[in-house]
């Protein structure tokens, strides 16, 4: 049995008005599958296929194809890797915090931080509605959303309140810089694939990979 579950979470798009979309995605591994993926990423580094940070906007076709093959290889029964993505199309979104509004008689002022936290919670709830943890300890590693310790503390508190028993207990909730955490870079690439398929490069064919990613559209 695995000793720890790891969830690596990243976003693409703006939690305000700068983009027509906002997307968050996660990669869920265990300590055992993490070793396997790190070996594959290390081999790609060693042979010079990938030299820089694995940002979705910076990969050339060969790099995307190689990373695509790693994810496909990993998304099977022998190596535990799950991927989930939440998509907000802002023109269709009627939920709280993106704009000043009242929902079911409750006022929700526009708040980019609360919107980001709200989507993060929805992402985790959707993921764990279909995915079972593999160990007794779960760790979240989130690409750095906040520079303020107060905002980070609020995010942790919000994610740990679970009145409806939809989430596991998180032993650690950590913010990190994706420049030195490669699995955050992989999470970025997965959200980037969904962004391309829905919004920016719909002509590109990512269907084989998308078949292995749970993608949810959230309107509220």
Foldseek 3Di string as FASTA:
>chain_A
DFAEKEKEKEKDDALEDPDQKIKMKIKIFTPVLVVVLVVLVVVCCVVPVDPAALAQVPDDPSNVVSLLVSLVVQLDDVGDMAMEMEMERPVQADDAQRDFDADPNRTGHHDSLVSVLVVVLVRQLVVQVPDDDDHLAYAYEYADPDPDPVSVVVSLVVNQDDPPPSHHHHPYYHYDHSRPPRSNSVSNNVRSVVCCCPPNPVVDDPVVSVVRYHYHYHRD
